Protein backbone atom coordinates (compact mmCIF):
# COMPACT_ATOMS: atom_id res chain seq x y z
CA MET A 1 -19.14 17.11 9.31
CA ASN A 2 -20.66 13.78 10.31
CA PHE A 3 -19.11 10.42 9.41
CA GLU A 4 -22.12 8.38 10.57
CA LEU A 5 -25.19 7.34 8.59
CA THR A 6 -28.38 9.18 9.44
CA PRO A 7 -31.05 7.31 11.46
CA GLU A 8 -33.04 6.84 8.25
CA GLN A 9 -30.01 5.47 6.41
CA ARG A 10 -29.19 3.10 9.28
CA ALA A 11 -32.77 1.81 9.28
CA PHE A 12 -32.61 1.26 5.51
CA SER A 13 -29.22 -0.43 5.83
CA ASP A 14 -30.52 -2.77 8.53
CA SER A 15 -33.61 -3.67 6.53
CA VAL A 16 -31.59 -4.50 3.40
CA ARG A 17 -29.15 -6.59 5.42
CA ARG A 18 -31.97 -8.53 7.10
CA PHE A 19 -33.58 -9.17 3.73
CA GLY A 20 -30.29 -10.39 2.25
CA GLN A 21 -29.60 -12.73 5.15
CA ALA A 22 -33.11 -14.15 5.08
CA HIS A 23 -33.54 -14.62 1.33
CA LEU A 24 -30.16 -14.58 -0.44
CA ALA A 25 -27.34 -15.75 1.83
CA SER A 26 -28.13 -19.47 1.71
CA GLY A 27 -27.84 -19.65 -2.09
CA ALA A 28 -24.96 -17.21 -2.51
CA LEU A 29 -22.28 -19.76 -3.45
CA GLU A 30 -24.43 -21.56 -6.02
CA ARG A 31 -25.66 -18.26 -7.44
CA ALA A 32 -22.12 -16.93 -7.86
CA HIS A 33 -21.10 -19.82 -10.08
CA ALA A 34 -24.34 -20.15 -12.03
CA ARG A 35 -24.44 -18.96 -15.63
CA GLY A 36 -26.93 -16.39 -16.78
CA TYR A 37 -28.73 -13.49 -15.18
CA PRO A 38 -30.67 -14.43 -12.00
CA TRP A 39 -34.07 -13.17 -13.13
CA GLU A 40 -35.90 -14.54 -10.10
CA VAL A 41 -33.65 -12.52 -7.79
CA ALA A 42 -34.12 -9.43 -9.95
CA ARG A 43 -37.89 -9.65 -9.57
CA MET A 44 -37.53 -10.24 -5.85
CA LEU A 45 -35.31 -7.17 -5.47
CA ALA A 46 -37.72 -5.12 -7.52
CA GLU A 47 -40.53 -6.05 -5.15
CA GLN A 48 -38.35 -4.78 -2.30
CA GLY A 49 -37.84 -1.43 -4.02
CA LEU A 50 -34.13 -2.06 -4.63
CA ILE A 51 -34.33 -1.50 -8.39
CA GLY A 52 -34.92 2.03 -9.59
CA ILE A 53 -33.73 3.64 -6.36
CA LEU A 54 -32.31 6.56 -8.35
CA VAL A 55 -35.27 6.83 -10.75
CA LYS A 56 -37.74 9.63 -10.06
CA GLU A 57 -41.03 8.68 -8.46
CA GLU A 58 -43.02 10.16 -11.34
CA ASP A 59 -41.20 7.72 -13.63
CA GLY A 60 -42.06 4.74 -11.43
CA GLY A 61 -38.89 4.66 -9.36
CA ILE A 62 -38.14 5.20 -5.69
CA GLY A 63 -36.68 8.70 -5.96
CA GLY A 64 -33.89 7.87 -3.53
CA THR A 65 -30.36 9.19 -3.18
CA LEU A 66 -26.96 8.02 -4.34
CA MET A 67 -26.20 7.03 -0.76
CA ASP A 68 -29.33 4.86 -0.70
CA ALA A 69 -28.11 3.00 -3.79
CA VAL A 70 -24.59 2.62 -2.36
CA ILE A 71 -26.01 1.25 0.88
CA ALA A 72 -28.24 -1.21 -0.99
CA ILE A 73 -25.34 -2.57 -3.07
CA GLN A 74 -23.02 -2.96 -0.11
CA GLU A 75 -25.51 -4.49 2.29
CA LEU A 76 -26.72 -7.05 -0.24
CA ALA A 77 -23.16 -7.94 -1.18
CA TYR A 78 -22.42 -8.93 2.42
CA SER A 79 -25.06 -11.66 2.05
CA CYS A 80 -24.75 -12.52 -1.65
CA PRO A 81 -21.99 -10.92 -3.73
CA LYS A 82 -23.64 -11.69 -7.06
CA SER A 83 -26.93 -10.08 -6.05
CA ALA A 84 -25.09 -6.77 -5.76
CA ASP A 85 -24.68 -6.94 -9.55
CA ILE A 86 -28.46 -6.80 -9.93
CA VAL A 87 -28.73 -3.71 -7.76
CA GLN A 88 -25.96 -2.16 -9.84
CA ALA A 89 -27.75 -2.98 -13.10
CA GLY A 90 -31.04 -1.67 -11.72
CA ASN A 91 -29.69 1.67 -10.51
CA PHE A 92 -26.47 2.63 -12.28
CA GLY A 93 -25.05 2.47 -15.77
CA ALA A 94 -27.44 2.14 -18.70
CA ILE A 95 -30.69 2.41 -16.75
CA ARG A 96 -29.51 5.56 -14.96
CA THR A 97 -28.62 7.28 -18.25
CA PHE A 98 -31.88 6.09 -19.80
CA ALA A 99 -34.05 7.34 -16.94
CA GLU A 100 -32.25 10.70 -16.95
CA TYR A 101 -32.53 11.48 -20.67
CA ALA A 102 -35.23 9.32 -22.29
CA SER A 103 -38.33 10.88 -23.81
CA PRO A 104 -41.69 10.28 -22.09
CA GLU A 105 -42.54 7.83 -24.87
CA LEU A 106 -39.38 5.78 -24.36
CA LYS A 107 -39.86 5.79 -20.59
CA ALA A 108 -43.42 4.54 -20.94
CA ARG A 109 -42.29 1.73 -23.25
CA TYR A 110 -39.30 0.47 -21.27
CA LEU A 111 -39.23 1.59 -17.64
CA PRO A 112 -42.17 -0.42 -16.21
CA ASP A 113 -40.62 -3.78 -17.11
CA LEU A 114 -37.08 -2.64 -16.29
CA LEU A 115 -38.12 -1.47 -12.83
CA ALA A 116 -40.05 -4.70 -12.24
CA GLY A 117 -36.98 -6.84 -12.97
CA ARG A 118 -38.65 -8.42 -16.00
CA THR A 119 -36.27 -6.93 -18.57
CA LEU A 120 -32.64 -5.81 -18.60
CA LEU A 121 -30.90 -2.94 -20.41
CA GLY A 122 -27.39 -3.66 -21.62
CA LEU A 123 -24.73 -1.13 -22.61
CA GLY A 124 -23.01 -1.09 -25.99
CA MET A 125 -20.07 1.29 -25.74
CA SER A 126 -16.70 -0.38 -26.39
CA GLU A 127 -15.67 -1.39 -29.91
CA PRO A 128 -12.74 -3.40 -31.31
CA GLU A 129 -10.77 -0.16 -31.84
CA ALA A 130 -12.47 2.07 -29.25
CA GLY A 131 -12.13 1.03 -25.62
CA SER A 132 -10.75 3.67 -23.28
CA ALA A 133 -10.65 5.95 -26.35
CA ALA A 134 -14.44 5.98 -26.45
CA THR A 135 -14.64 8.96 -28.80
CA GLU A 136 -13.00 6.85 -31.53
CA LEU A 137 -16.16 4.76 -31.94
CA LYS A 138 -17.19 3.92 -35.51
CA THR A 139 -20.72 2.50 -35.10
CA THR A 140 -22.97 4.79 -37.16
CA ALA A 141 -26.61 5.84 -37.12
CA THR A 142 -27.90 6.99 -40.52
CA ARG A 143 -31.33 8.57 -41.00
CA ASP A 144 -33.68 6.62 -43.27
CA GLY A 145 -37.08 8.32 -43.27
CA ASP A 146 -38.74 7.67 -39.93
CA HIS A 147 -36.03 5.21 -38.97
CA TYR A 148 -32.30 4.99 -38.38
CA LEU A 149 -29.96 2.34 -39.75
CA ILE A 150 -27.27 1.24 -37.29
CA ASN A 151 -24.01 -0.25 -38.58
CA GLY A 152 -21.00 -1.36 -36.57
CA THR A 153 -19.78 -3.69 -33.85
CA LYS A 154 -19.70 -3.58 -30.04
CA VAL A 155 -17.55 -5.71 -27.74
CA PHE A 156 -17.31 -6.36 -24.00
CA SER A 157 -20.89 -5.06 -23.66
CA THR A 158 -22.28 -5.18 -20.14
CA HIS A 159 -25.04 -7.80 -19.74
CA SER A 160 -24.99 -8.39 -23.51
CA ALA A 161 -25.60 -12.13 -23.10
CA ASP A 162 -28.88 -11.60 -21.21
CA ALA A 163 -30.12 -8.10 -22.02
CA THR A 164 -33.49 -7.62 -23.67
CA ALA A 165 -32.47 -4.23 -25.08
CA TYR A 166 -29.25 -2.22 -25.44
CA LEU A 167 -28.27 1.40 -24.93
CA VAL A 168 -25.83 1.81 -27.82
CA TYR A 169 -23.34 4.64 -28.32
CA VAL A 170 -23.40 5.66 -32.01
CA ARG A 171 -22.00 8.25 -34.36
CA PHE A 172 -24.57 10.45 -36.13
CA GLY A 173 -21.80 12.53 -37.71
CA PRO A 174 -18.10 13.42 -37.48
CA GLY A 175 -16.32 14.66 -34.38
CA LEU A 176 -17.21 14.65 -30.72
CA ASN A 177 -20.48 16.47 -31.35
CA GLY A 178 -21.56 13.75 -33.75
CA ILE A 179 -21.81 11.13 -30.98
CA GLY A 180 -25.08 10.19 -29.28
CA SER A 181 -27.00 7.05 -28.33
CA VAL A 182 -29.96 4.90 -29.31
CA ILE A 183 -32.02 2.10 -27.81
CA VAL A 184 -31.95 -1.17 -29.75
CA ASP A 185 -34.19 -4.13 -28.89
CA ARG A 186 -32.53 -7.53 -28.89
CA ASP A 187 -34.86 -8.73 -31.67
CA ALA A 188 -34.40 -5.62 -33.85
CA PRO A 189 -33.93 -6.54 -37.53
CA GLY A 190 -30.27 -6.35 -38.45
CA LEU A 191 -28.90 -6.98 -34.95
CA GLN A 192 -26.99 -10.22 -34.44
CA VAL A 193 -25.94 -11.19 -30.92
CA GLY A 194 -22.78 -13.29 -31.15
CA GLN A 195 -21.87 -16.40 -29.22
CA PRO A 196 -21.02 -15.86 -25.54
CA SER A 197 -17.41 -15.38 -24.51
CA THR A 198 -16.31 -15.73 -20.89
CA PHE A 199 -14.28 -13.40 -18.69
CA MET A 200 -11.98 -14.70 -15.96
CA SER A 201 -14.72 -13.85 -13.45
CA GLY A 202 -17.16 -16.24 -15.13
CA GLU A 203 -19.27 -13.42 -16.57
CA GLU A 204 -20.29 -13.74 -20.19
CA TRP A 205 -20.43 -11.16 -22.96
CA CYS A 206 -21.50 -11.32 -26.58
CA GLN A 207 -20.26 -9.34 -29.53
CA LEU A 208 -23.02 -7.22 -31.05
CA TYR A 209 -23.15 -6.93 -34.85
CA PHE A 210 -25.26 -4.19 -36.41
CA ASP A 211 -25.86 -4.66 -40.14
CA ASN A 212 -28.35 -2.03 -41.32
CA CYS A 213 -30.11 -2.61 -38.00
CA ARG A 214 -33.37 -0.71 -38.37
CA ILE A 215 -34.82 1.20 -35.41
CA PRO A 216 -37.56 3.86 -35.25
CA LYS A 217 -36.34 7.44 -34.84
CA SER A 218 -38.21 7.54 -31.52
CA ASN A 219 -35.53 5.16 -30.21
CA VAL A 220 -32.92 7.90 -30.28
CA LEU A 221 -31.97 8.55 -26.65
CA LEU A 222 -29.49 11.39 -27.12
CA GLY A 223 -28.91 12.78 -30.58
CA PRO A 224 -25.82 14.52 -31.95
CA GLY A 225 -24.01 16.40 -29.20
CA GLY A 226 -25.21 14.01 -26.51
CA PHE A 227 -21.84 12.44 -25.74
CA LYS A 228 -20.86 14.87 -22.99
CA LYS A 229 -24.16 14.27 -21.20
CA GLN A 230 -23.61 10.53 -21.44
CA ILE A 231 -20.08 10.72 -20.08
CA THR A 232 -21.23 12.97 -17.23
CA GLY A 233 -23.79 10.31 -16.36
CA PHE A 234 -21.01 7.74 -16.62
CA ASN A 235 -19.46 9.32 -13.52
CA VAL A 236 -22.46 8.07 -11.56
CA GLU A 237 -21.92 4.55 -12.90
CA ARG A 238 -18.44 4.61 -11.40
CA ILE A 239 -19.97 4.99 -7.95
CA GLY A 240 -21.83 1.72 -8.47
CA ASN A 241 -18.67 -0.02 -9.67
CA ALA A 242 -16.75 1.32 -6.68
CA SER A 243 -19.48 0.20 -4.27
CA ARG A 244 -19.41 -3.38 -5.51
CA ALA A 245 -15.62 -3.60 -5.54
CA LEU A 246 -15.35 -2.35 -1.98
CA ALA A 247 -18.25 -4.49 -0.77
CA LEU A 248 -16.74 -7.69 -2.16
CA GLY A 249 -13.41 -6.82 -0.57
CA ARG A 250 -15.16 -6.39 2.76
CA TYR A 251 -17.08 -9.65 2.25
CA ALA A 252 -13.80 -11.50 1.75
CA PHE A 253 -12.30 -9.69 4.76
CA ASN A 254 -15.20 -10.81 6.98
CA VAL A 255 -14.95 -14.43 5.83
CA ALA A 256 -11.18 -14.51 6.33
CA ARG A 257 -11.49 -12.84 9.74
CA GLU A 258 -13.87 -15.55 10.93
CA HIS A 259 -11.57 -18.20 9.48
CA CYS A 260 -8.57 -16.82 11.39
CA LEU A 261 -10.55 -16.64 14.62
CA THR A 262 -11.55 -20.32 14.46
CA ARG A 263 -8.79 -22.09 12.48
CA THR A 264 -5.91 -23.38 14.62
CA GLN A 265 -2.35 -24.26 13.62
CA PHE A 266 0.57 -25.13 15.90
CA GLY A 267 -1.87 -25.27 18.80
CA ARG A 268 -3.32 -21.75 18.58
CA PRO A 269 -5.77 -19.71 16.46
CA LEU A 270 -4.38 -18.11 13.32
CA CYS A 271 -5.32 -14.65 14.60
CA GLU A 272 -2.63 -14.96 17.28
CA PHE A 273 0.17 -14.89 14.68
CA GLN A 274 1.51 -11.36 14.32
CA GLY A 275 2.05 -11.70 10.58
CA LEU A 276 -1.69 -12.20 10.09
CA GLN A 277 -2.55 -9.48 12.59
CA TRP A 278 -0.58 -6.94 10.56
CA LYS A 279 -2.15 -8.22 7.34
CA PHE A 280 -5.64 -7.61 8.71
CA ALA A 281 -4.66 -4.20 10.11
CA GLU A 282 -3.50 -3.14 6.65
CA MET A 283 -6.66 -4.52 5.05
CA ALA A 284 -8.82 -2.58 7.53
CA LEU A 285 -6.93 0.61 6.67
CA GLN A 286 -7.55 0.12 2.95
CA LEU A 287 -11.26 -0.61 3.42
CA GLU A 288 -11.94 2.30 5.75
CA SER A 289 -10.00 4.81 3.64
CA ALA A 290 -11.76 3.82 0.43
CA GLN A 291 -15.15 3.82 2.15
CA LEU A 292 -14.75 7.48 3.11
CA LEU A 293 -13.86 8.47 -0.46
CA LEU A 294 -16.87 6.54 -1.76
CA TYR A 295 -19.22 8.25 0.69
CA LYS A 296 -17.73 11.63 -0.21
CA ALA A 297 -18.46 11.07 -3.92
CA ALA A 298 -22.00 9.92 -3.19
CA VAL A 299 -22.79 12.80 -0.82
CA ASN A 300 -21.25 15.43 -3.11
CA GLY A 301 -23.39 14.13 -5.94
CA GLU A 302 -26.69 14.45 -4.11
CA ASN A 303 -27.37 17.95 -5.44
CA GLY A 304 -26.59 17.02 -9.02
CA LEU A 305 -24.14 14.75 -10.80
CA PRO A 306 -20.91 14.06 -8.87
CA SER A 307 -17.67 15.54 -10.15
CA ALA A 308 -15.27 13.59 -12.34
CA PHE A 309 -12.56 14.01 -9.69
CA ASP A 310 -14.70 12.65 -6.84
CA THR A 311 -15.85 9.60 -8.79
CA ALA A 312 -12.43 8.88 -10.30
CA ILE A 313 -10.59 8.98 -6.98
CA ALA A 314 -13.33 6.96 -5.24
CA LYS A 315 -13.33 4.28 -7.95
CA LEU A 316 -9.52 4.11 -7.95
CA ALA A 317 -9.39 3.70 -4.16
CA CYS A 318 -12.25 1.18 -4.03
CA ASN A 319 -10.99 -0.88 -6.96
CA GLN A 320 -7.54 -1.17 -5.41
CA ALA A 321 -8.81 -1.81 -1.90
CA GLY A 322 -11.42 -4.33 -3.04
CA PHE A 323 -8.96 -6.42 -5.03
CA GLN A 324 -6.01 -6.17 -2.65
CA VAL A 325 -8.12 -7.02 0.39
CA ALA A 326 -9.84 -9.94 -1.34
CA ASN A 327 -6.47 -11.22 -2.52
CA GLU A 328 -4.93 -10.95 0.96
CA ALA A 329 -8.02 -12.59 2.48
CA MET A 330 -7.54 -15.51 0.10
CA GLN A 331 -3.88 -15.75 1.13
CA ALA A 332 -4.82 -15.75 4.81
CA MET A 333 -7.25 -18.62 4.24
CA GLY A 334 -4.78 -20.72 2.28
CA ALA A 335 -6.11 -23.52 0.08
CA TYR A 336 -9.67 -23.08 1.33
CA GLY A 337 -9.69 -19.45 0.20
CA PHE A 338 -8.41 -20.54 -3.21
CA SER A 339 -11.13 -23.18 -3.52
CA THR A 340 -14.41 -22.62 -5.36
CA GLU A 341 -16.09 -23.88 -2.18
CA SER A 342 -15.42 -20.41 -0.79
CA LEU A 343 -16.72 -17.17 -2.26
CA VAL A 344 -13.40 -15.50 -1.49
CA GLU A 345 -11.83 -16.67 -4.75
CA TYR A 346 -14.94 -15.40 -6.56
CA CYS A 347 -14.45 -12.00 -4.93
CA VAL A 348 -10.83 -11.93 -6.10
CA LYS A 349 -11.81 -12.57 -9.71
CA ARG A 350 -14.70 -10.11 -9.69
CA THR A 351 -12.77 -7.26 -8.09
CA ARG A 352 -9.92 -7.78 -10.54
CA GLY A 353 -12.25 -7.18 -13.46
CA TRP A 354 -13.55 -3.89 -12.08
CA MET A 355 -10.02 -2.50 -12.19
CA ILE A 356 -10.52 -2.56 -15.97
CA ALA A 357 -14.27 -2.06 -16.47
CA GLY A 358 -15.93 1.32 -16.14
CA GLY A 359 -12.65 3.19 -16.51
CA SER A 360 -9.29 1.47 -16.03
CA LEU A 361 -7.03 2.44 -13.15
CA GLU A 362 -4.72 4.20 -15.61
CA ILE A 363 -7.54 6.28 -17.14
CA LEU A 364 -8.74 7.19 -13.64
CA LYS A 365 -5.26 8.42 -12.75
CA ASN A 366 -5.26 10.55 -15.90
CA ARG A 367 -8.57 12.14 -14.83
CA ILE A 368 -7.30 12.78 -11.31
CA ALA A 369 -4.11 14.39 -12.67
CA GLU A 370 -6.19 16.69 -14.89
CA SER A 371 -8.03 17.91 -11.80
CA VAL A 372 -4.77 18.36 -9.92
CA PHE A 373 -3.19 20.47 -12.69
CA GLU A 374 -6.48 22.02 -13.86
CA ARG A 375 -5.82 21.24 -17.51
CA ARG A 376 -6.54 18.53 -20.05
CA PHE A 377 -3.87 16.06 -21.15
CA SER A 378 -4.70 14.65 -24.56
CA GLN A 379 -3.77 11.00 -25.06
CA ARG A 380 -3.98 11.20 -28.86
CA ALA A 381 -0.88 10.82 -31.02
CA ASN A 382 -1.68 14.04 -32.90
């Protein structure tokens, strides 16, 4: 058992950190508060091989490991928290599911531009009446000759305001086995992208309306019975979510630490006050504990998809540590930490959102309990 990165991983980590410091750190504050997807950064990261890390080489990707992707997210976040979102979008979530299950035809049509940072794949999963209860989705896909007609509504869709195409969860028929997914281009006839709404973090999302939205049958990603494959792939997405949450907590910790080393009150540095010393000791404990659980999930998933237990407990620990540490860092910095002139308040808002997105803390606890008791606990009323 070795708790250190390998020499190759350390070299990769150092190179990503140097790149971030040289090209992203100076504009981090402005970038965090800017609206819209930073396409120029996406193309820059693609040129550095930081998009498509988990995509097979024969499909145009890097063919790297989960640990490589975790390292890339965390190292970039230390220089520019928002840029970590681009690494997430380019390696986890919709693109990971797409690269795993798409037909050769779909890969040839979409992957080159996705991996070059020229296009972006959004995810359409949640609906007005189907959030955590994802299997209750009502958006349908009905065969019409060589096409499918999509009808329904999606909400809170990741990157929906900027995406050029969407991976949409749909119902081909009744029951769990009737659920699958399709790829829908933003300009597909019958798709209306609603006006942007804003989360507390400043991120925007648009409601997606499908009214006899017509797509070719070749745009089916996973047909009936594909839901379990999609949810298994969703476990991988949770590693990306956990990586960002923890990285932003550590970013805030580092900023607050420097502040307490240099800021003086009552004639001495803040770090000499025992109350703050204990606060930072507790923050360090949370960060280090969550980091080990994250690494465990990533390493255990190298020879296949990680287990639901590993990803659930890692996301739970990282979500809690990321938010609590960022929040305590803001408290330690006082008014400056609360100001938009510091990225610490941005880290607080972003980490708070990830305690909901990608599996809420309560749903994660349900999954962990199922592993503990080795049985399923249905949440349905009947």
